[in-house]
N, C-alpha and C. Protein backbone atom coordinates (compact mmCIF):
# COMPACT_ATOMS: atom_id res chain seq x y z
N MET A 1 0.66 -0.90 14.51
CA MET A 1 -0.13 -0.19 13.51
C MET A 1 -1.26 0.52 14.24
N ARG A 2 -1.29 1.84 14.10
CA ARG A 2 -2.29 2.63 14.81
C ARG A 2 -3.37 3.09 13.85
N ASP A 3 -4.39 2.29 13.70
CA ASP A 3 -5.50 2.66 12.83
C ASP A 3 -6.69 3.00 13.69
N ASN A 4 -7.24 4.19 13.49
CA ASN A 4 -8.36 4.66 14.27
C ASN A 4 -9.65 4.36 13.54
N VAL A 5 -10.29 3.26 13.88
CA VAL A 5 -11.51 2.85 13.21
C VAL A 5 -12.63 3.85 13.44
N ARG A 6 -12.76 4.36 14.65
CA ARG A 6 -13.85 5.31 14.94
C ARG A 6 -13.71 6.58 14.12
N GLY A 7 -12.48 7.11 14.07
CA GLY A 7 -12.26 8.35 13.32
C GLY A 7 -12.04 8.09 11.84
N GLY A 8 -11.81 6.86 11.47
CA GLY A 8 -11.63 6.51 10.08
C GLY A 8 -10.22 6.66 9.57
N ALA A 9 -9.32 7.22 10.37
CA ALA A 9 -7.97 7.46 9.89
C ALA A 9 -7.14 6.18 9.94
N LEU A 10 -6.64 5.79 8.78
CA LEU A 10 -5.77 4.62 8.69
C LEU A 10 -4.34 5.09 8.49
N THR A 11 -3.40 4.26 8.86
CA THR A 11 -2.02 4.57 8.51
C THR A 11 -1.90 4.42 7.00
N GLU A 12 -0.94 5.09 6.43
CA GLU A 12 -0.73 5.02 4.98
C GLU A 12 -0.41 3.59 4.55
N VAL A 13 0.39 2.90 5.34
CA VAL A 13 0.75 1.52 5.02
C VAL A 13 -0.49 0.63 5.00
N THR A 14 -1.33 0.76 6.00
CA THR A 14 -2.56 -0.03 6.06
C THR A 14 -3.42 0.23 4.83
N PHE A 15 -3.59 1.50 4.49
CA PHE A 15 -4.43 1.84 3.35
C PHE A 15 -3.87 1.24 2.05
N PHE A 16 -2.57 1.32 1.85
CA PHE A 16 -1.97 0.75 0.64
C PHE A 16 -2.09 -0.78 0.61
N ILE A 17 -1.95 -1.42 1.76
CA ILE A 17 -2.11 -2.88 1.80
C ILE A 17 -3.55 -3.25 1.41
N LEU A 18 -4.52 -2.53 1.96
CA LEU A 18 -5.91 -2.80 1.60
C LEU A 18 -6.15 -2.57 0.11
N LEU A 19 -5.58 -1.51 -0.43
CA LEU A 19 -5.72 -1.25 -1.87
C LEU A 19 -5.11 -2.38 -2.69
N ALA A 20 -3.93 -2.83 -2.27
CA ALA A 20 -3.26 -3.92 -3.00
C ALA A 20 -4.13 -5.16 -3.04
N LEU A 21 -4.85 -5.39 -1.96
CA LEU A 21 -5.58 -6.65 -1.83
C LEU A 21 -6.98 -6.61 -2.42
N TYR A 22 -7.27 -5.61 -3.22
CA TYR A 22 -8.49 -5.67 -4.01
C TYR A 22 -8.37 -6.78 -5.04
N GLU A 23 -7.13 -7.24 -5.25
CA GLU A 23 -6.85 -8.44 -6.04
C GLU A 23 -6.03 -9.36 -5.14
N ARG A 24 -6.26 -10.66 -5.22
CA ARG A 24 -5.50 -11.57 -4.36
C ARG A 24 -4.02 -11.45 -4.71
N MET A 25 -3.23 -11.47 -3.64
CA MET A 25 -1.81 -11.20 -3.81
C MET A 25 -1.02 -11.81 -2.66
N HIS A 26 0.20 -12.22 -2.94
CA HIS A 26 1.09 -12.71 -1.89
C HIS A 26 1.93 -11.56 -1.36
N GLY A 27 2.62 -11.82 -0.28
CA GLY A 27 3.37 -10.78 0.42
C GLY A 27 4.33 -9.99 -0.44
N TYR A 28 5.13 -10.69 -1.24
CA TYR A 28 6.10 -10.00 -2.09
C TYR A 28 5.38 -9.11 -3.10
N GLY A 29 4.26 -9.58 -3.62
CA GLY A 29 3.48 -8.77 -4.56
C GLY A 29 2.96 -7.50 -3.91
N ILE A 30 2.56 -7.60 -2.64
CA ILE A 30 2.09 -6.43 -1.90
C ILE A 30 3.24 -5.43 -1.74
N MET A 31 4.40 -5.95 -1.39
CA MET A 31 5.57 -5.08 -1.24
C MET A 31 5.87 -4.33 -2.54
N GLN A 32 5.81 -5.04 -3.66
CA GLN A 32 6.06 -4.42 -4.96
C GLN A 32 4.98 -3.39 -5.30
N PHE A 33 3.73 -3.72 -5.03
CA PHE A 33 2.61 -2.81 -5.29
C PHE A 33 2.82 -1.50 -4.55
N VAL A 34 3.10 -1.58 -3.26
CA VAL A 34 3.27 -0.37 -2.44
C VAL A 34 4.45 0.45 -2.93
N GLU A 35 5.56 -0.19 -3.20
CA GLU A 35 6.73 0.54 -3.68
C GLU A 35 6.44 1.22 -5.03
N GLU A 36 5.78 0.49 -5.92
CA GLU A 36 5.48 1.04 -7.25
C GLU A 36 4.50 2.20 -7.17
N LYS A 37 3.42 2.02 -6.43
CA LYS A 37 2.38 3.06 -6.35
C LYS A 37 2.85 4.32 -5.65
N THR A 38 3.84 4.20 -4.77
CA THR A 38 4.34 5.38 -4.06
C THR A 38 5.64 5.91 -4.68
N GLY A 39 6.03 5.36 -5.81
CA GLY A 39 7.26 5.80 -6.45
C GLY A 39 8.49 5.57 -5.59
N GLY A 40 8.45 4.53 -4.77
CA GLY A 40 9.57 4.21 -3.91
C GLY A 40 9.60 4.96 -2.59
N ARG A 41 8.63 5.83 -2.36
CA ARG A 41 8.57 6.59 -1.11
C ARG A 41 8.32 5.68 0.09
N LEU A 42 7.48 4.65 -0.12
CA LEU A 42 7.22 3.66 0.93
C LEU A 42 7.78 2.32 0.48
N ILE A 43 8.66 1.77 1.28
CA ILE A 43 9.21 0.45 1.02
C ILE A 43 8.99 -0.38 2.28
N LEU A 44 8.23 -1.47 2.13
CA LEU A 44 7.91 -2.31 3.28
C LEU A 44 8.93 -3.41 3.42
N GLY A 45 9.44 -3.58 4.62
CA GLY A 45 10.28 -4.73 4.93
C GLY A 45 9.38 -5.92 5.24
N ALA A 46 9.94 -7.10 5.12
CA ALA A 46 9.16 -8.32 5.35
C ALA A 46 8.55 -8.35 6.74
N GLY A 47 9.31 -7.99 7.75
CA GLY A 47 8.80 -8.02 9.12
C GLY A 47 7.63 -7.07 9.32
N SER A 48 7.76 -5.86 8.81
CA SER A 48 6.66 -4.88 8.91
C SER A 48 5.44 -5.35 8.16
N LEU A 49 5.65 -5.87 6.95
CA LEU A 49 4.53 -6.32 6.14
C LEU A 49 3.78 -7.46 6.80
N TYR A 50 4.50 -8.48 7.24
CA TYR A 50 3.81 -9.64 7.80
C TYR A 50 3.17 -9.33 9.16
N GLY A 51 3.76 -8.40 9.89
CA GLY A 51 3.11 -7.94 11.12
C GLY A 51 1.80 -7.24 10.80
N ALA A 52 1.82 -6.39 9.76
CA ALA A 52 0.60 -5.69 9.34
C ALA A 52 -0.43 -6.67 8.82
N LEU A 53 -0.01 -7.66 8.04
CA LEU A 53 -0.95 -8.65 7.51
C LEU A 53 -1.61 -9.43 8.64
N ASN A 54 -0.83 -9.81 9.63
CA ASN A 54 -1.41 -10.52 10.79
C ASN A 54 -2.42 -9.64 11.51
N ASN A 55 -2.08 -8.37 11.68
CA ASN A 55 -2.97 -7.43 12.35
C ASN A 55 -4.27 -7.26 11.56
N LEU A 56 -4.16 -7.06 10.26
CA LEU A 56 -5.34 -6.87 9.42
C LEU A 56 -6.20 -8.13 9.35
N GLN A 57 -5.54 -9.26 9.35
CA GLN A 57 -6.28 -10.53 9.36
C GLN A 57 -7.02 -10.68 10.68
N GLY A 58 -6.39 -10.30 11.78
CA GLY A 58 -7.03 -10.36 13.09
C GLY A 58 -8.25 -9.47 13.19
N LYS A 59 -8.23 -8.33 12.48
CA LYS A 59 -9.37 -7.42 12.48
C LYS A 59 -10.46 -7.87 11.52
N GLY A 60 -10.15 -8.86 10.69
CA GLY A 60 -11.13 -9.34 9.72
C GLY A 60 -11.18 -8.51 8.45
N TRP A 61 -10.18 -7.65 8.25
CA TRP A 61 -10.16 -6.77 7.08
C TRP A 61 -9.59 -7.46 5.84
N ILE A 62 -8.77 -8.49 6.06
CA ILE A 62 -8.23 -9.29 4.96
C ILE A 62 -8.34 -10.75 5.36
N ALA A 63 -8.22 -11.63 4.37
CA ALA A 63 -8.30 -13.07 4.66
C ALA A 63 -7.31 -13.80 3.76
N PRO A 64 -6.72 -14.88 4.28
CA PRO A 64 -5.84 -15.68 3.43
C PRO A 64 -6.66 -16.44 2.39
N VAL A 65 -6.05 -16.67 1.25
CA VAL A 65 -6.70 -17.43 0.18
C VAL A 65 -5.96 -18.75 0.08
N ASP A 66 -6.69 -19.84 0.22
CA ASP A 66 -6.09 -21.17 0.12
C ASP A 66 -6.50 -21.78 -1.20
N ASP A 67 -5.53 -21.89 -2.11
CA ASP A 67 -5.85 -22.48 -3.41
C ASP A 67 -5.59 -23.98 -3.42
N GLY A 68 -5.11 -24.52 -2.29
CA GLY A 68 -4.88 -25.96 -2.19
C GLY A 68 -3.67 -26.46 -2.95
N LYS A 69 -2.90 -25.55 -3.51
CA LYS A 69 -1.73 -25.96 -4.31
C LYS A 69 -0.42 -25.77 -3.56
N GLY A 70 -0.50 -25.30 -2.33
CA GLY A 70 0.71 -25.14 -1.52
C GLY A 70 1.62 -24.02 -1.98
N ARG A 71 1.08 -23.12 -2.80
CA ARG A 71 1.89 -22.00 -3.26
C ARG A 71 2.05 -20.98 -2.15
N LYS A 72 2.72 -19.87 -2.48
CA LYS A 72 2.87 -18.80 -1.50
C LYS A 72 1.50 -18.38 -0.99
N LYS A 73 1.43 -18.04 0.28
CA LYS A 73 0.17 -17.63 0.88
C LYS A 73 -0.28 -16.32 0.25
N GLU A 74 -1.50 -16.32 -0.22
CA GLU A 74 -2.08 -15.12 -0.80
C GLU A 74 -3.18 -14.59 0.11
N TYR A 75 -3.46 -13.31 -0.03
CA TYR A 75 -4.47 -12.65 0.78
C TYR A 75 -5.42 -11.91 -0.14
N ILE A 76 -6.61 -11.60 0.38
CA ILE A 76 -7.61 -10.81 -0.34
C ILE A 76 -8.34 -9.94 0.68
N ILE A 77 -8.79 -8.79 0.25
CA ILE A 77 -9.55 -7.91 1.14
C ILE A 77 -10.94 -8.52 1.37
N THR A 78 -11.47 -8.34 2.56
CA THR A 78 -12.81 -8.83 2.89
C THR A 78 -13.83 -7.71 2.66
N ASP A 79 -15.10 -8.04 2.80
CA ASP A 79 -16.14 -7.02 2.68
C ASP A 79 -15.95 -5.92 3.72
N ILE A 80 -15.59 -6.31 4.94
CA ILE A 80 -15.34 -5.31 5.99
C ILE A 80 -14.14 -4.45 5.61
N GLY A 81 -13.10 -5.07 5.09
CA GLY A 81 -11.93 -4.32 4.66
C GLY A 81 -12.26 -3.32 3.56
N ARG A 82 -13.13 -3.72 2.64
CA ARG A 82 -13.56 -2.80 1.57
C ARG A 82 -14.29 -1.60 2.17
N GLU A 83 -15.17 -1.86 3.13
CA GLU A 83 -15.89 -0.77 3.79
C GLU A 83 -14.92 0.20 4.45
N ILE A 84 -13.91 -0.35 5.11
CA ILE A 84 -12.92 0.48 5.79
C ILE A 84 -12.14 1.31 4.77
N ALA A 85 -11.68 0.68 3.68
CA ALA A 85 -10.91 1.39 2.65
C ALA A 85 -11.76 2.48 1.99
N GLU A 86 -13.02 2.18 1.71
CA GLU A 86 -13.89 3.17 1.08
C GLU A 86 -14.18 4.34 2.01
N ALA A 87 -14.34 4.06 3.30
CA ALA A 87 -14.54 5.13 4.28
C ALA A 87 -13.30 6.00 4.37
N GLU A 88 -12.12 5.39 4.29
CA GLU A 88 -10.88 6.16 4.33
C GLU A 88 -10.76 7.05 3.09
N LEU A 89 -11.14 6.54 1.93
CA LEU A 89 -11.11 7.34 0.72
C LEU A 89 -12.01 8.56 0.86
N LEU A 90 -13.21 8.38 1.38
CA LEU A 90 -14.11 9.51 1.60
C LEU A 90 -13.53 10.51 2.58
N ARG A 91 -12.92 10.00 3.65
CA ARG A 91 -12.29 10.88 4.64
C ARG A 91 -11.20 11.72 4.01
N MET A 92 -10.38 11.08 3.18
CA MET A 92 -9.27 11.81 2.53
C MET A 92 -9.79 12.83 1.52
N LYS A 93 -10.85 12.49 0.79
CA LYS A 93 -11.44 13.45 -0.16
C LYS A 93 -11.93 14.69 0.59
N GLU A 94 -12.58 14.47 1.73
CA GLU A 94 -13.06 15.59 2.54
C GLU A 94 -11.89 16.44 3.02
N LEU A 95 -10.83 15.79 3.45
CA LEU A 95 -9.64 16.49 3.90
C LEU A 95 -9.07 17.36 2.78
N VAL A 96 -8.98 16.81 1.57
CA VAL A 96 -8.45 17.56 0.43
C VAL A 96 -9.36 18.74 0.10
N GLU A 97 -10.68 18.54 0.13
CA GLU A 97 -11.61 19.63 -0.15
C GLU A 97 -11.44 20.78 0.85
N ILE A 98 -11.30 20.45 2.11
CA ILE A 98 -11.12 21.48 3.14
C ILE A 98 -9.79 22.19 2.92
N ALA A 99 -8.74 21.44 2.66
CA ALA A 99 -7.43 22.03 2.44
C ALA A 99 -7.44 22.94 1.21
N GLU A 100 -8.11 22.53 0.14
CA GLU A 100 -8.19 23.36 -1.07
C GLU A 100 -8.95 24.64 -0.80
N GLN A 101 -9.99 24.59 0.03
CA GLN A 101 -10.74 25.80 0.38
C GLN A 101 -9.85 26.78 1.13
N ILE A 102 -9.05 26.24 2.03
CA ILE A 102 -8.20 27.10 2.85
C ILE A 102 -7.01 27.62 2.06
N ILE A 103 -6.38 26.74 1.31
CA ILE A 103 -5.18 27.12 0.57
C ILE A 103 -5.56 27.81 -0.74
N GLY A 104 -6.76 27.56 -1.21
CA GLY A 104 -7.20 28.20 -2.44
C GLY A 104 -6.82 27.42 -3.69
N GLY A 105 -6.51 26.16 -3.50
CA GLY A 105 -6.18 25.33 -4.67
C GLY A 105 -4.80 25.56 -5.21
N LYS A 106 -3.98 26.38 -4.54
CA LYS A 106 -2.64 26.65 -5.02
C LYS A 106 -1.76 25.42 -4.89
N GLY A 107 -1.03 25.12 -5.92
CA GLY A 107 -0.11 24.00 -5.89
C GLY A 107 -0.78 22.66 -6.00
N VAL A 108 -2.05 22.64 -6.31
CA VAL A 108 -2.76 21.37 -6.41
C VAL A 108 -2.97 21.02 -7.86
């Protein structure tokens, strides 16, 4: 997963995982969220998803939630993860504004 923290550019998969985890969710729920929100354009396989979750957990952007009931492992976005997601949203808004200025808003 190539996420550029300095430049703020996240991969699309990373951004969708962070968005999904604004509510605690298990892996299968994240997969469903991403597929639903992208209209099936992005479909995460289990290996890709869990690799991304491990990576995001290592960066401190998400954290596992332990409910003590032994259910499926759930995750939630951390404060740092929220900051990263919000910075990405601002970056994308700026990108859209620049593109609309150049293209003239056609097709938007």
